Amino acid sequence: MYSPFVKKGGVIVFHDVVPHPGSLCKVDEFWNEIKQKFDHKEFIDKPDQTSFGVGVLYYNL
């Protein structure tokens, strides 16, 4: 992963964290897995949107 490039207290930002049907993009699946392991914040405009969104992981290891 990107952890060797991020200092303690840094952040890792992902885009397209909201599932979007019919897409080959699987960032949302990775996001749902990795966000369980870190403090995080999601920036999603509308609860019912079917794409986009930004996820921020706070790297404190």
C-alpha atoms as a PDB file:
ATOM      1  CA  MET A   1       0.000   0.000   0.000  1.00  0.00           C
ATOM      2  CA  TYR A   2       1.034   3.639   0.311  1.00  0.00           C
ATOM      3  CA  SER A   3       2.015   3.482   3.980  1.00  0.00           C
ATOM      4  CA  PRO A   4       5.781   3.726   3.337  1.00  0.00           C
ATOM      5  CA  PHE A   5       5.161   7.130   1.758  1.00  0.00           C
ATOM      6  CA  VAL A   6       2.987   8.555   4.547  1.00  0.00           C
ATOM      7  CA  LYS A   7       4.383   9.816   7.825  1.00  0.00           C
ATOM      8  CA  LYS A   8       2.594   9.229  11.118  1.00  0.00           C
ATOM      9  CA  GLY A   9      -0.214  11.755  11.383  1.00  0.00           C
ATOM     10  CA  GLY A  10      -0.480  12.054   7.597  1.00  0.00           C
ATOM     11  CA  VAL A  11      -3.505  11.429   5.406  1.00  0.00           C
ATOM     12  CA  ILE A  12      -4.321   9.276   2.382  1.00  0.00           C
ATOM     13  CA  VAL A  13      -7.182  10.498   0.179  1.00  0.00           C
ATOM     14  CA  PHE A  14      -9.313   8.344  -2.138  1.00  0.00           C
ATOM     15  CA  HIS A  15     -11.820   9.512  -4.731  1.00  0.00           C
ATOM     16  CA  ASP A  16     -14.890   7.643  -6.022  1.00  0.00           C
ATOM     17  CA  VAL A  17     -15.628   5.925  -2.688  1.00  0.00           C
ATOM     18  CA  VAL A  18     -19.377   5.740  -3.412  1.00  0.00           C
ATOM     19  CA  PRO A  19     -20.416   2.583  -5.308  1.00  0.00           C
ATOM     20  CA  HIS A  20     -21.461   3.240  -8.885  1.00  0.00           C
ATOM     21  CA  PRO A  21     -23.339   0.415 -10.592  1.00  0.00           C
ATOM     22  CA  GLY A  22     -22.046  -0.830 -13.914  1.00  0.00           C
ATOM     23  CA  SER A  23     -18.549   0.529 -13.384  1.00  0.00           C
ATOM     24  CA  LEU A  24     -15.356  -1.487 -13.434  1.00  0.00           C
ATOM     25  CA  CYS A  25     -13.959   0.897 -10.815  1.00  0.00           C
ATOM     26  CA  LYS A  26     -13.770  -0.910  -7.476  1.00  0.00           C
ATOM     27  CA  VAL A  27     -12.416   1.876  -5.267  1.00  0.00           C
ATOM     28  CA  ASP A  28     -15.610   1.690  -3.194  1.00  0.00           C
ATOM     29  CA  GLU A  29     -14.941  -1.959  -2.302  1.00  0.00           C
ATOM     30  CA  PHE A  30     -11.363  -1.204  -1.272  1.00  0.00           C
ATOM     31  CA  TRP A  31     -12.521   1.849   0.674  1.00  0.00           C
ATOM     32  CA  ASN A  32     -15.093  -0.163   2.637  1.00  0.00           C
ATOM     33  CA  GLU A  33     -12.399  -2.645   3.604  1.00  0.00           C
ATOM     34  CA  ILE A  34      -9.609  -0.245   4.518  1.00  0.00           C
ATOM     35  CA  LYS A  35     -11.675   2.361   6.373  1.00  0.00           C
ATOM     36  CA  GLN A  36     -12.361  -0.214   9.088  1.00  0.00           C
ATOM     37  CA  LYS A  37      -8.673  -0.122  10.062  1.00  0.00           C
ATOM     38  CA  PHE A  38      -8.138   3.645  10.385  1.00  0.00           C
ATOM     39  CA  ASP A  39      -9.784   6.803  11.602  1.00  0.00           C
ATOM     40  CA  HIS A  40     -11.474   8.228   8.551  1.00  0.00           C
ATOM     41  CA  LYS A  41     -13.856  10.816   7.158  1.00  0.00           C
ATOM     42  CA  GLU A  42     -16.125  10.631   4.139  1.00  0.00           C
ATOM     43  CA  PHE A  43     -17.204  13.575   2.026  1.00  0.00           C
ATOM     44  CA  ILE A  44     -20.391  12.591   0.199  1.00  0.00           C
ATOM     45  CA  ASP A  45     -22.770  15.273  -1.070  1.00  0.00           C
ATOM     46  CA  LYS A  46     -26.052  13.335  -0.973  1.00  0.00           C
ATOM     47  CA  PRO A  47     -26.841  10.064   0.826  1.00  0.00           C
ATOM     48  CA  ASP A  48     -28.518   8.617  -2.279  1.00  0.00           C
ATOM     49  CA  GLN A  49     -25.863   9.508  -4.861  1.00  0.00           C
ATOM     50  CA  THR A  50     -24.574   6.639  -6.980  1.00  0.00           C
ATOM     51  CA  SER A  51     -21.012   7.759  -7.655  1.00  0.00           C
ATOM     52  CA  PHE A  52     -18.181  10.063  -6.631  1.00  0.00           C
ATOM     53  CA  GLY A  53     -17.380  10.853  -2.991  1.00  0.00           C
ATOM     54  CA  VAL A  54     -14.050  11.364  -1.244  1.00  0.00           C
ATOM     55  CA  GLY A  55     -12.622   9.332   1.620  1.00  0.00           C
ATOM     56  CA  VAL A  56      -9.796  10.454   3.899  1.00  0.00           C
ATOM     57  CA  LEU A  57      -7.745   8.044   6.033  1.00  0.00           C
ATOM     58  CA  TYR A  58      -5.822   9.433   8.986  1.00  0.00           C
ATOM     59  CA  TYR A  59      -2.605   7.440   9.188  1.00  0.00           C
ATOM     60  CA  ASN A  60      -1.547   7.128  12.829  1.00  0.00           C
ATOM     61  CA  LEU A  61       0.500   3.905  12.846  1.00  0.00           C
END
